[in-house]
């Protein structure tokens, strides 16, 4: 999202079945409940 570009980094370690969200330069407007989601489709692509 434009609001987090340059501050947040998403990455994954498939060997661990884990996805990460590194959040830097956090601001009060980042306050929220953060949810992880999966597409459920084989070899699917990133989408908003």
ModelCIF file with pLDDT and N, C-alpha, C, O atoms, coordinates in Angstrom:
data_MODEL
#
_entry.id   MODEL 
#
_entity.id                         1 
_entity.type                       polymer 
_entity.pdbx_number_of_molecules   1 
#
_entity_poly.entity_id                      1 
_entity_poly.type                           'polypeptide(L)' 
_entity_poly.nstd_linkage                   no 
_entity_poly.nstd_monomer                   no 
_entity_poly.pdbx_seq_one_letter_code       
;(UNK)(UNK)(UNK)(UNK)(UNK)(UNK)(UNK)(UNK)(UNK)(UNK)(UNK)(UNK)(UNK)(UNK)(UNK)(UNK)
(UNK)(UNK)(UNK)(UNK)(UNK)(UNK)(UNK)(UNK)(UNK)(UNK)(UNK)(UNK)(UNK)(UNK)(UNK)(UNK)
(UNK)(UNK)(UNK)(UNK)(UNK)(UNK)(UNK)(UNK)(UNK)(UNK)(UNK)(UNK)(UNK)(UNK)(UNK)(UNK)
;
_entity_poly.pdbx_seq_one_letter_code_can   XXXXXXXXXXXXXXXXXXXXXXXXXXXXXXXXXXXXXXXXXXXXXXXX 
_entity_poly.pdbx_strand_id                 A 
#
loop_
_entity_poly_seq.entity_id 
_entity_poly_seq.num 
_entity_poly_seq.mon_id 
_entity_poly_seq.hetero 
1 1  UNK n 
1 2  UNK n 
1 3  UNK n 
1 4  UNK n 
1 5  UNK n 
1 6  UNK n 
1 7  UNK n 
1 8  UNK n 
1 9  UNK n 
1 10 UNK n 
1 11 UNK n 
1 12 UNK n 
1 13 UNK n 
1 14 UNK n 
1 15 UNK n 
1 16 UNK n 
1 17 UNK n 
1 18 UNK n 
1 19 UNK n 
1 20 UNK n 
1 21 UNK n 
1 22 UNK n 
1 23 UNK n 
1 24 UNK n 
1 25 UNK n 
1 26 UNK n 
1 27 UNK n 
1 28 UNK n 
1 29 UNK n 
1 30 UNK n 
1 31 UNK n 
1 32 UNK n 
1 33 UNK n 
1 34 UNK n 
1 35 UNK n 
1 36 UNK n 
1 37 UNK n 
1 38 UNK n 
1 39 UNK n 
1 40 UNK n 
1 41 UNK n 
1 42 UNK n 
1 43 UNK n 
1 44 UNK n 
1 45 UNK n 
1 46 UNK n 
1 47 UNK n 
1 48 UNK n 
#
_struct_asym.id          A 
_struct_asym.entity_id   1 
#
loop_
_ma_qa_metric.id 
_ma_qa_metric.mode 
_ma_qa_metric.name 
_ma_qa_metric.software_group_id 
_ma_qa_metric.type 
1 global pLDDT . pLDDT 
2 local  pLDDT . pLDDT 
#
_ma_qa_metric_global.metric_id      1 
_ma_qa_metric_global.metric_value   96.12 
_ma_qa_metric_global.model_id       1 
_ma_qa_metric_global.ordinal_id     1 
#
loop_
_ma_qa_metric_local.label_asym_id 
_ma_qa_metric_local.label_comp_id 
_ma_qa_metric_local.label_seq_id 
_ma_qa_metric_local.metric_id 
_ma_qa_metric_local.metric_value 
_ma_qa_metric_local.model_id 
_ma_qa_metric_local.ordinal_id 
A UNK 1  2 98.00 1 1  
A UNK 2  2 98.00 1 2  
A UNK 3  2 97.00 1 3  
A UNK 4  2 98.00 1 4  
A UNK 5  2 98.00 1 5  
A UNK 6  2 98.00 1 6  
A UNK 7  2 98.00 1 7  
A UNK 8  2 98.00 1 8  
A UNK 9  2 98.00 1 9  
A UNK 10 2 98.00 1 10 
A UNK 11 2 97.00 1 11 
A UNK 12 2 96.00 1 12 
A UNK 13 2 95.00 1 13 
A UNK 14 2 91.00 1 14 
A UNK 15 2 93.00 1 15 
A UNK 16 2 94.00 1 16 
A UNK 17 2 94.00 1 17 
A UNK 18 2 96.00 1 18 
A UNK 19 2 97.00 1 19 
A UNK 20 2 98.00 1 20 
A UNK 21 2 98.00 1 21 
A UNK 22 2 98.00 1 22 
A UNK 23 2 98.00 1 23 
A UNK 24 2 98.00 1 24 
A UNK 25 2 98.00 1 25 
A UNK 26 2 98.00 1 26 
A UNK 27 2 98.00 1 27 
A UNK 28 2 97.00 1 28 
A UNK 29 2 96.00 1 29 
A UNK 30 2 98.00 1 30 
A UNK 31 2 98.00 1 31 
A UNK 32 2 98.00 1 32 
A UNK 33 2 98.00 1 33 
A UNK 34 2 98.00 1 34 
A UNK 35 2 98.00 1 35 
A UNK 36 2 98.00 1 36 
A UNK 37 2 97.00 1 37 
A UNK 38 2 96.00 1 38 
A UNK 39 2 95.00 1 39 
A UNK 40 2 92.00 1 40 
A UNK 41 2 91.00 1 41 
A UNK 42 2 91.00 1 42 
A UNK 43 2 90.00 1 43 
A UNK 44 2 90.00 1 44 
A UNK 45 2 92.00 1 45 
A UNK 46 2 94.00 1 46 
A UNK 47 2 95.00 1 47 
A UNK 48 2 96.00 1 48 
#
loop_
_atom_site.group_PDB 
_atom_site.id 
_atom_site.type_symbol 
_atom_site.label_atom_id 
_atom_site.label_alt_id 
_atom_site.label_comp_id 
_atom_site.label_asym_id 
_atom_site.label_entity_id 
_atom_site.label_seq_id 
_atom_site.pdbx_PDB_ins_code 
_atom_site.Cartn_x 
_atom_site.Cartn_y 
_atom_site.Cartn_z 
_atom_site.occupancy 
_atom_site.B_iso_or_equiv 
_atom_site.pdbx_formal_charge 
_atom_site.auth_seq_id 
_atom_site.auth_comp_id 
_atom_site.auth_asym_id 
_atom_site.auth_atom_id 
_atom_site.pdbx_PDB_model_num 
ATOM 1   N N  . UNK A 1 1  ? 0.840  -1.181  0.000  1.00 98.00 ? 1  UNK A N  1 
ATOM 2   C CA . UNK A 1 1  ? 0.000  0.000   0.000  1.00 98.00 ? 1  UNK A CA 1 
ATOM 3   C C  . UNK A 1 1  ? 0.884  1.244   0.000  1.00 98.00 ? 1  UNK A C  1 
ATOM 4   O O  . UNK A 1 1  ? 1.976  1.240   0.569  1.00 98.00 ? 1  UNK A O  1 
ATOM 5   N N  . UNK A 1 2  ? 0.405  2.303   -0.641 1.00 98.00 ? 2  UNK A N  1 
ATOM 6   C CA . UNK A 1 2  ? 1.192  3.531   -0.710 1.00 98.00 ? 2  UNK A CA 1 
ATOM 7   C C  . UNK A 1 2  ? 1.556  4.055   0.675  1.00 98.00 ? 2  UNK A C  1 
ATOM 8   O O  . UNK A 1 2  ? 2.624  4.640   0.860  1.00 98.00 ? 2  UNK A O  1 
ATOM 9   N N  . UNK A 1 3  ? 0.684  3.850   1.630  1.00 97.00 ? 3  UNK A N  1 
ATOM 10  C CA . UNK A 1 3  ? 0.894  4.388   2.962  1.00 97.00 ? 3  UNK A CA 1 
ATOM 11  C C  . UNK A 1 3  ? 2.051  3.740   3.714  1.00 97.00 ? 3  UNK A C  1 
ATOM 12  O O  . UNK A 1 3  ? 2.527  4.291   4.707  1.00 97.00 ? 3  UNK A O  1 
ATOM 13  N N  . UNK A 1 4  ? 2.511  2.574   3.254  1.00 98.00 ? 4  UNK A N  1 
ATOM 14  C CA . UNK A 1 4  ? 3.574  1.876   3.968  1.00 98.00 ? 4  UNK A CA 1 
ATOM 15  C C  . UNK A 1 4  ? 4.824  1.674   3.127  1.00 98.00 ? 4  UNK A C  1 
ATOM 16  O O  . UNK A 1 4  ? 5.808  1.127   3.624  1.00 98.00 ? 4  UNK A O  1 
ATOM 17  N N  . UNK A 1 5  ? 4.817  2.095   1.881  1.00 98.00 ? 5  UNK A N  1 
ATOM 18  C CA . UNK A 1 5  ? 5.988  1.929   1.023  1.00 98.00 ? 5  UNK A CA 1 
ATOM 19  C C  . UNK A 1 5  ? 7.207  2.614   1.626  1.00 98.00 ? 5  UNK A C  1 
ATOM 20  O O  . UNK A 1 5  ? 7.136  3.756   2.079  1.00 98.00 ? 5  UNK A O  1 
ATOM 21  N N  . UNK A 1 6  ? 8.307  1.907   1.622  1.00 98.00 ? 6  UNK A N  1 
ATOM 22  C CA . UNK A 1 6  ? 9.536  2.438   2.178  1.00 98.00 ? 6  UNK A CA 1 
ATOM 23  C C  . UNK A 1 6  ? 9.675  2.238   3.664  1.00 98.00 ? 6  UNK A C  1 
ATOM 24  O O  . UNK A 1 6  ? 10.754 2.451   4.216  1.00 98.00 ? 6  UNK A O  1 
ATOM 25  N N  . UNK A 1 7  ? 8.608  1.834   4.326  1.00 98.00 ? 7  UNK A N  1 
ATOM 26  C CA . UNK A 1 7  ? 8.644  1.620   5.771  1.00 98.00 ? 7  UNK A CA 1 
ATOM 27  C C  . UNK A 1 7  ? 8.451  0.156   6.153  1.00 98.00 ? 7  UNK A C  1 
ATOM 28  O O  . UNK A 1 7  ? 9.072  -0.333  7.096  1.00 98.00 ? 7  UNK A O  1 
ATOM 29  N N  . UNK A 1 8  ? 7.591  -0.537  5.420  1.00 98.00 ? 8  UNK A N  1 
ATOM 30  C CA . UNK A 1 8  ? 7.279  -1.932  5.725  1.00 98.00 ? 8  UNK A CA 1 
ATOM 31  C C  . UNK A 1 8  ? 7.899  -2.844  4.676  1.00 98.00 ? 8  UNK A C  1 
ATOM 32  O O  . UNK A 1 8  ? 8.036  -2.466  3.513  1.00 98.00 ? 8  UNK A O  1 
ATOM 33  N N  . UNK A 1 9  ? 8.269  -4.038  5.094  1.00 98.00 ? 9  UNK A N  1 
ATOM 34  C CA . UNK A 1 9  ? 8.804  -5.039  4.185  1.00 98.00 ? 9  UNK A CA 1 
ATOM 35  C C  . UNK A 1 9  ? 8.158  -6.385  4.473  1.00 98.00 ? 9  UNK A C  1 
ATOM 36  O O  . UNK A 1 9  ? 8.192  -6.871  5.604  1.00 98.00 ? 9  UNK A O  1 
ATOM 37  N N  . UNK A 1 10 ? 7.573  -6.979  3.452  1.00 98.00 ? 10 UNK A N  1 
ATOM 38  C CA . UNK A 1 10 ? 7.011  -8.313  3.590  1.00 98.00 ? 10 UNK A CA 1 
ATOM 39  C C  . UNK A 1 10 ? 8.010  -9.327  3.051  1.00 98.00 ? 10 UNK A C  1 
ATOM 40  O O  . UNK A 1 10 ? 8.657  -9.085  2.032  1.00 98.00 ? 10 UNK A O  1 
ATOM 41  N N  . UNK A 1 11 ? 8.134  -10.441 3.719  1.00 97.00 ? 11 UNK A N  1 
ATOM 42  C CA . UNK A 1 11 ? 9.037  -11.493 3.291  1.00 97.00 ? 11 UNK A CA 1 
ATOM 43  C C  . UNK A 1 11 ? 8.468  -12.834 3.734  1.00 97.00 ? 11 UNK A C  1 
ATOM 44  O O  . UNK A 1 11 ? 7.503  -12.892 4.496  1.00 97.00 ? 11 UNK A O  1 
ATOM 45  N N  . UNK A 1 12 ? 9.074  -13.901 3.249  1.00 96.00 ? 12 UNK A N  1 
ATOM 46  C CA . UNK A 1 12 ? 8.602  -15.214 3.654  1.00 96.00 ? 12 UNK A CA 1 
ATOM 47  C C  . UNK A 1 12 ? 9.736  -16.212 3.681  1.00 96.00 ? 12 UNK A C  1 
ATOM 48  O O  . UNK A 1 12 ? 10.727 -16.083 2.962  1.00 96.00 ? 12 UNK A O  1 
ATOM 49  N N  . UNK A 1 13 ? 9.569  -17.201 4.519  1.00 95.00 ? 13 UNK A N  1 
ATOM 50  C CA . UNK A 1 13 ? 10.479 -18.324 4.611  1.00 95.00 ? 13 UNK A CA 1 
ATOM 51  C C  . UNK A 1 13 ? 9.616  -19.568 4.427  1.00 95.00 ? 13 UNK A C  1 
ATOM 52  O O  . UNK A 1 13 ? 8.998  -20.053 5.375  1.00 95.00 ? 13 UNK A O  1 
ATOM 53  N N  . UNK A 1 14 ? 9.581  -20.073 3.213  1.00 91.00 ? 14 UNK A N  1 
ATOM 54  C CA . UNK A 1 14 ? 8.688  -21.189 2.923  1.00 91.00 ? 14 UNK A CA 1 
ATOM 55  C C  . UNK A 1 14 ? 9.106  -22.473 3.626  1.00 91.00 ? 14 UNK A C  1 
ATOM 56  O O  . UNK A 1 14 ? 8.275  -23.348 3.869  1.00 91.00 ? 14 UNK A O  1 
ATOM 57  N N  . UNK A 1 15 ? 10.384 -22.591 3.952  1.00 93.00 ? 15 UNK A N  1 
ATOM 58  C CA . UNK A 1 15 ? 10.830 -23.756 4.700  1.00 93.00 ? 15 UNK A CA 1 
ATOM 59  C C  . UNK A 1 15 ? 10.208 -23.784 6.090  1.00 93.00 ? 15 UNK A C  1 
ATOM 60  O O  . UNK A 1 15 ? 10.056 -24.851 6.685  1.00 93.00 ? 15 UNK A O  1 
ATOM 61  N N  . UNK A 1 16 ? 9.851  -22.617 6.604  1.00 94.00 ? 16 UNK A N  1 
ATOM 62  C CA . UNK A 1 16 ? 9.225  -22.509 7.916  1.00 94.00 ? 16 UNK A CA 1 
ATOM 63  C C  . UNK A 1 16 ? 7.727  -22.256 7.841  1.00 94.00 ? 16 UNK A C  1 
ATOM 64  O O  . UNK A 1 16 ? 7.069  -22.125 8.873  1.00 94.00 ? 16 UNK A O  1 
ATOM 65  N N  . UNK A 1 17 ? 7.181  -22.186 6.631  1.00 94.00 ? 17 UNK A N  1 
ATOM 66  C CA . UNK A 1 17 ? 5.757  -21.875 6.446  1.00 94.00 ? 17 UNK A CA 1 
ATOM 67  C C  . UNK A 1 17 ? 5.377  -20.570 7.141  1.00 94.00 ? 17 UNK A C  1 
ATOM 68  O O  . UNK A 1 17 ? 4.307  -20.465 7.740  1.00 94.00 ? 17 UNK A O  1 
ATOM 69  N N  . UNK A 1 18 ? 6.256  -19.589 7.056  1.00 96.00 ? 18 UNK A N  1 
ATOM 70  C CA . UNK A 1 18 ? 6.066  -18.353 7.802  1.00 96.00 ? 18 UNK A CA 1 
ATOM 71  C C  . UNK A 1 18 ? 6.245  -17.138 6.899  1.00 96.00 ? 18 UNK A C  1 
ATOM 72  O O  . UNK A 1 18 ? 7.145  -17.095 6.061  1.00 96.00 ? 18 UNK A O  1 
ATOM 73  N N  . UNK A 1 19 ? 5.374  -16.156 7.086  1.00 97.00 ? 19 UNK A N  1 
ATOM 74  C CA . UNK A 1 19 ? 5.452  -14.869 6.409  1.00 97.00 ? 19 UNK A CA 1 
ATOM 75  C C  . UNK A 1 19 ? 5.687  -13.795 7.458  1.00 97.00 ? 19 UNK A C  1 
ATOM 76  O O  . UNK A 1 19 ? 5.156  -13.868 8.566  1.00 97.00 ? 19 UNK A O  1 
ATOM 77  N N  . UNK A 1 20 ? 6.486  -12.799 7.103  1.00 98.00 ? 20 UNK A N  1 
ATOM 78  C CA . UNK A 1 20 ? 6.843  -11.745 8.030  1.00 98.00 ? 20 UNK A CA 1 
ATOM 79  C C  . UNK A 1 20 ? 6.428  -10.380 7.494  1.00 98.00 ? 20 UNK A C  1 
ATOM 80  O O  . UNK A 1 20 ? 6.304  -10.178 6.286  1.00 98.00 ? 20 UNK A O  1 
ATOM 81  N N  . UNK A 1 21 ? 6.221  -9.463  8.409  1.00 98.00 ? 21 UNK A N  1 
ATOM 82  C CA . UNK A 1 21 ? 6.023  -8.068  8.055  1.00 98.00 ? 21 UNK A CA 1 
ATOM 83  C C  . UNK A 1 21 ? 6.907  -7.233  8.967  1.00 98.00 ? 21 UNK A C  1 
ATOM 84  O O  . UNK A 1 21 ? 6.600  -7.041  10.143 1.00 98.00 ? 21 UNK A O  1 
ATOM 85  N N  . UNK A 1 22 ? 7.998  -6.743  8.417  1.00 98.00 ? 22 UNK A N  1 
ATOM 86  C CA . UNK A 1 22 ? 8.886  -5.859  9.155  1.00 98.00 ? 22 UNK A CA 1 
ATOM 87  C C  . UNK A 1 22 ? 8.358  -4.442  9.033  1.00 98.00 ? 22 UNK A C  1 
ATOM 88  O O  . UNK A 1 22 ? 8.230  -3.919  7.926  1.00 98.00 ? 22 UNK A O  1 
ATOM 89  N N  . UNK A 1 23 ? 8.055  -3.824  10.145 1.00 98.00 ? 23 UNK A N  1 
ATOM 90  C CA . UNK A 1 23 ? 7.456  -2.498  10.171 1.00 98.00 ? 23 UNK A CA 1 
ATOM 91  C C  . UNK A 1 23 ? 8.422  -1.536  10.844 1.00 98.00 ? 23 UNK A C  1 
ATOM 92  O O  . UNK A 1 23 ? 8.726  -1.676  12.029 1.00 98.00 ? 23 UNK A O  1 
ATOM 93  N N  . UNK A 1 24 ? 8.897  -0.567  10.091 1.00 98.00 ? 24 UNK A N  1 
ATOM 94  C CA . UNK A 1 24 ? 9.809  0.443   10.599 1.00 98.00 ? 24 UNK A CA 1 
ATOM 95  C C  . UNK A 1 24 ? 9.154  1.816   10.538 1.00 98.00 ? 24 UNK A C  1 
ATOM 96  O O  . UNK A 1 24 ? 8.153  2.010   9.848  1.00 98.00 ? 24 UNK A O  1 
ATOM 97  N N  . UNK A 1 25 ? 9.726  2.758   11.260 1.00 98.00 ? 25 UNK A N  1 
ATOM 98  C CA . UNK A 1 25 ? 9.226  4.136   11.281 1.00 98.00 ? 25 UNK A CA 1 
ATOM 99  C C  . UNK A 1 25 ? 7.727  4.181   11.542 1.00 98.00 ? 25 UNK A C  1 
ATOM 100 O O  . UNK A 1 25 ? 6.989  4.900   10.869 1.00 98.00 ? 25 UNK A O  1 
ATOM 101 N N  . UNK A 1 26 ? 7.295  3.415   12.511 1.00 98.00 ? 26 UNK A N  1 
ATOM 102 C CA . UNK A 1 26 ? 5.870  3.323   12.805 1.00 98.00 ? 26 UNK A CA 1 
ATOM 103 C C  . UNK A 1 26 ? 5.314  4.660   13.285 1.00 98.00 ? 26 UNK A C  1 
ATOM 104 O O  . UNK A 1 26 ? 5.979  5.407   14.003 1.00 98.00 ? 26 UNK A O  1 
ATOM 105 N N  . UNK A 1 27 ? 4.097  4.937   12.877 1.00 98.00 ? 27 UNK A N  1 
ATOM 106 C CA . UNK A 1 27 ? 3.395  6.156   13.225 1.00 98.00 ? 27 UNK A CA 1 
ATOM 107 C C  . UNK A 1 27 ? 2.060  5.812   13.863 1.00 98.00 ? 27 UNK A C  1 
ATOM 108 O O  . UNK A 1 27 ? 1.560  4.702   13.682 1.00 98.00 ? 27 UNK A O  1 
ATOM 109 N N  . UNK A 1 28 ? 1.471  6.749   14.610 1.00 97.00 ? 28 UNK A N  1 
ATOM 110 C CA . UNK A 1 28 ? 0.188  6.455   15.252 1.00 97.00 ? 28 UNK A CA 1 
ATOM 111 C C  . UNK A 1 28 ? -0.888 5.979   14.279 1.00 97.00 ? 28 UNK A C  1 
ATOM 112 O O  . UNK A 1 28 ? -1.738 5.173   14.656 1.00 97.00 ? 28 UNK A O  1 
ATOM 113 N N  . UNK A 1 29 ? -0.868 6.456   13.048 1.00 96.00 ? 29 UNK A N  1 
ATOM 114 C CA . UNK A 1 29 ? -1.861 6.024   12.077 1.00 96.00 ? 29 UNK A CA 1 
ATOM 115 C C  . UNK A 1 29 ? -1.697 4.573   11.656 1.00 96.00 ? 29 UNK A C  1 
ATOM 116 O O  . UNK A 1 29 ? -2.569 4.031   10.978 1.00 96.00 ? 29 UNK A O  1 
ATOM 117 N N  . UNK A 1 30 ? -0.601 3.934   12.041 1.00 98.00 ? 30 UNK A N  1 
ATOM 118 C CA . UNK A 1 30 ? -0.415 2.515   11.788 1.00 98.00 ? 30 UNK A CA 1 
ATOM 119 C C  . UNK A 1 30 ? -1.115 1.646   12.823 1.00 98.00 ? 30 UNK A C  1 
ATOM 120 O O  . UNK A 1 30 ? -1.175 0.426   12.670 1.00 98.00 ? 30 UNK A O  1 
ATOM 121 N N  . UNK A 1 31 ? -1.636 2.253   13.855 1.00 98.00 ? 31 UNK A N  1 
ATOM 122 C CA . UNK A 1 31 ? -2.330 1.507   14.899 1.00 98.00 ? 31 UNK A CA 1 
ATOM 123 C C  . UNK A 1 31 ? -3.536 0.780   14.320 1.00 98.00 ? 31 UNK A C  1 
ATOM 124 O O  . UNK A 1 31 ? -4.405 1.394   13.702 1.00 98.00 ? 31 UNK A O  1 
ATOM 125 N N  . UNK A 1 32 ? -3.580 -0.523  14.524 1.00 98.00 ? 32 UNK A N  1 
ATOM 126 C CA . UNK A 1 32 ? -4.650 -1.341  13.967 1.00 98.00 ? 32 UNK A CA 1 
ATOM 127 C C  . UNK A 1 32 ? -4.456 -2.780  14.408 1.00 98.00 ? 32 UNK A C  1 
ATOM 128 O O  . UNK A 1 32 ? -3.417 -3.145  14.958 1.00 98.00 ? 32 UNK A O  1 
ATOM 129 N N  . UNK A 1 33 ? -5.467 -3.582  14.159 1.00 98.00 ? 33 UNK A N  1 
ATOM 130 C CA . UNK A 1 33 ? -5.309 -5.020  14.232 1.00 98.00 ? 33 UNK A CA 1 
ATOM 131 C C  . UNK A 1 33 ? -4.800 -5.493  12.878 1.00 98.00 ? 33 UNK A C  1 
ATOM 132 O O  . UNK A 1 33 ? -5.404 -5.194  11.848 1.00 98.00 ? 33 UNK A O  1 
ATOM 133 N N  . UNK A 1 34 ? -3.707 -6.220  12.873 1.00 98.00 ? 34 UNK A N  1 
ATOM 134 C CA . UNK A 1 34 ? -3.096 -6.696  11.643 1.00 98.00 ? 34 UNK A CA 1 
ATOM 135 C C  . UNK A 1 34 ? -3.442 -8.157  11.420 1.00 98.00 ? 34 UNK A C  1 
ATOM 136 O O  . UNK A 1 34 ? -3.280 -8.992  12.310 1.00 98.00 ? 34 UNK A O  1 
ATOM 137 N N  . UNK A 1 35 ? -3.921 -8.453  10.218 1.00 98.00 ? 35 UNK A N  1 
ATOM 138 C CA . UNK A 1 35 ? -4.357 -9.789  9.860  1.00 98.00 ? 35 UNK A CA 1 
ATOM 139 C C  . UNK A 1 35 ? -3.495 -10.372 8.756  1.00 98.00 ? 35 UNK A C  1 
ATOM 140 O O  . UNK A 1 35 ? -3.165 -9.687  7.788  1.00 98.00 ? 35 UNK A O  1 
ATOM 141 N N  . UNK A 1 36 ? -3.139 -11.608 8.901  1.00 98.00 ? 36 UNK A N  1 
ATOM 142 C CA . UNK A 1 36 ? -2.465 -12.371 7.874  1.00 98.00 ? 36 UNK A CA 1 
ATOM 143 C C  . UNK A 1 36 ? -3.508 -13.129 7.061  1.00 98.00 ? 36 UNK A C  1 
ATOM 144 O O  . UNK A 1 36 ? -4.488 -13.623 7.618  1.00 98.00 ? 36 UNK A O  1 
ATOM 145 N N  . UNK A 1 37 ? -3.304 -13.224 5.751  1.00 97.00 ? 37 UNK A N  1 
ATOM 146 C CA . UNK A 1 37 ? -4.250 -13.907 4.888  1.00 97.00 ? 37 UNK A CA 1 
ATOM 147 C C  . UNK A 1 37 ? -3.522 -14.713 3.828  1.00 97.00 ? 37 UNK A C  1 
ATOM 148 O O  . UNK A 1 37 ? -2.414 -14.370 3.415  1.00 97.00 ? 37 UNK A O  1 
ATOM 149 N N  . UNK A 1 38 ? -4.159 -15.787 3.396  1.00 96.00 ? 38 UNK A N  1 
ATOM 150 C CA . UNK A 1 38 ? -3.628 -16.653 2.349  1.00 96.00 ? 38 UNK A CA 1 
ATOM 151 C C  . UNK A 1 38 ? -4.631 -16.782 1.218  1.00 96.00 ? 38 UNK A C  1 
ATOM 152 O O  . UNK A 1 38 ? -5.838 -16.851 1.453  1.00 96.00 ? 38 UNK A O  1 
ATOM 153 N N  . UNK A 1 39 ? -4.133 -16.813 -0.008 1.00 95.00 ? 39 UNK A N  1 
ATOM 154 C CA . UNK A 1 39 ? -5.029 -16.906 -1.167 1.00 95.00 ? 39 UNK A CA 1 
ATOM 155 C C  . UNK A 1 39 ? -5.667 -18.269 -1.318 1.00 95.00 ? 39 UNK A C  1 
ATOM 156 O O  . UNK A 1 39 ? -6.808 -18.365 -1.770 1.00 95.00 ? 39 UNK A O  1 
ATOM 157 N N  . UNK A 1 40 ? -4.966 -19.320 -0.954 1.00 92.00 ? 40 UNK A N  1 
ATOM 158 C CA . UNK A 1 40 ? -5.499 -20.661 -1.093 1.00 92.00 ? 40 UNK A CA 1 
ATOM 159 C C  . UNK A 1 40 ? -5.458 -21.214 -2.495 1.00 92.00 ? 40 UNK A C  1 
ATOM 160 O O  . UNK A 1 40 ? -6.164 -22.176 -2.801 1.00 92.00 ? 40 UNK A O  1 
ATOM 161 N N  . UNK A 1 41 ? -4.640 -20.625 -3.361 1.00 91.00 ? 41 UNK A N  1 
ATOM 162 C CA . UNK A 1 41 ? -4.483 -21.087 -4.739 1.00 91.00 ? 41 UNK A CA 1 
ATOM 163 C C  . UNK A 1 41 ? -3.025 -21.422 -4.996 1.00 91.00 ? 41 UNK A C  1 
ATOM 164 O O  . UNK A 1 41 ? -2.131 -20.669 -4.611 1.00 91.00 ? 41 UNK A O  1 
ATOM 165 N N  . UNK A 1 42 ? -2.788 -22.543 -5.643 1.00 91.00 ? 42 UNK A N  1 
ATOM 166 C CA . UNK A 1 42 ? -1.451 -23.037 -5.898 1.00 91.00 ? 42 UNK A CA 1 
ATOM 167 C C  . UNK A 1 42 ? -0.636 -22.051 -6.727 1.00 91.00 ? 42 UNK A C  1 
ATOM 168 O O  . UNK A 1 42 ? -1.079 -21.610 -7.788 1.00 91.00 ? 42 UNK A O  1 
ATOM 169 N N  . UNK A 1 43 ? 0.550  -21.707 -6.247 1.00 90.00 ? 43 UNK A N  1 
ATOM 170 C CA . UNK A 1 43 ? 1.491  -20.811 -6.934 1.00 90.00 ? 43 UNK A CA 1 
ATOM 171 C C  . UNK A 1 43 ? 0.847  -19.489 -7.345 1.00 90.00 ? 43 UNK A C  1 
ATOM 172 O O  . UNK A 1 43 ? 1.085  -18.991 -8.445 1.00 90.00 ? 43 UNK A O  1 
ATOM 173 N N  . UNK A 1 44 ? 0.040  -18.932 -6.466 1.00 90.00 ? 44 UNK A N  1 
ATOM 174 C CA . UNK A 1 44 ? -0.675 -17.704 -6.741 1.00 90.00 ? 44 UNK A CA 1 
ATOM 175 C C  . UNK A 1 44 ? 0.213  -16.475 -6.585 1.00 90.00 ? 44 UNK A C  1 
ATOM 176 O O  . UNK A 1 44 ? 1.290  -16.533 -5.992 1.00 90.00 ? 44 UNK A O  1 
ATOM 177 N N  . UNK A 1 45 ? -0.271 -15.356 -7.136 1.00 92.00 ? 45 UNK A N  1 
ATOM 178 C CA . UNK A 1 45 ? 0.473  -14.116 -7.121 1.00 92.00 ? 45 UNK A CA 1 
ATOM 179 C C  . UNK A 1 45 ? -0.037 -13.135 -6.094 1.00 92.00 ? 45 UNK A C  1 
ATOM 180 O O  . UNK A 1 45 ? -1.170 -13.231 -5.623 1.00 92.00 ? 45 UNK A O  1 
ATOM 181 N N  . UNK A 1 46 ? 0.825  -12.181 -5.752 1.00 94.00 ? 46 UNK A N  1 
ATOM 182 C CA . UNK A 1 46 ? 0.468  -11.145 -4.794 1.00 94.00 ? 46 UNK A CA 1 
ATOM 183 C C  . UNK A 1 46 ? -0.646 -10.272 -5.347 1.00 94.00 ? 46 UNK A C  1 
ATOM 184 O O  . UNK A 1 46 ? -0.655 -9.934  -6.531 1.00 94.00 ? 46 UNK A O  1 
ATOM 185 N N  . UNK A 1 47 ? -1.583 -9.910  -4.482 1.00 95.00 ? 47 UNK A N  1 
ATOM 186 C CA . UNK A 1 47 ? -2.682 -9.057  -4.898 1.00 95.00 ? 47 UNK A CA 1 
ATOM 187 C C  . UNK A 1 47 ? -3.170 -8.223  -3.725 1.00 95.00 ? 47 UNK A C  1 
ATOM 188 O O  . UNK A 1 47 ? -3.090 -8.645  -2.571 1.00 95.00 ? 47 UNK A O  1 
ATOM 189 N N  . UNK A 1 48 ? -3.674 -7.035  -4.032 1.00 96.00 ? 48 UNK A N  1 
ATOM 190 C CA . UNK A 1 48 ? -4.264 -6.177  -3.018 1.00 96.00 ? 48 UNK A CA 1 
ATOM 191 C C  . UNK A 1 48 ? -5.735 -6.475  -2.807 1.00 96.00 ? 48 UNK A C  1 
ATOM 192 O O  . UNK A 1 48 ? -6.382 -5.833  -1.979 1.00 96.00 ? 48 UNK A O  1 
#
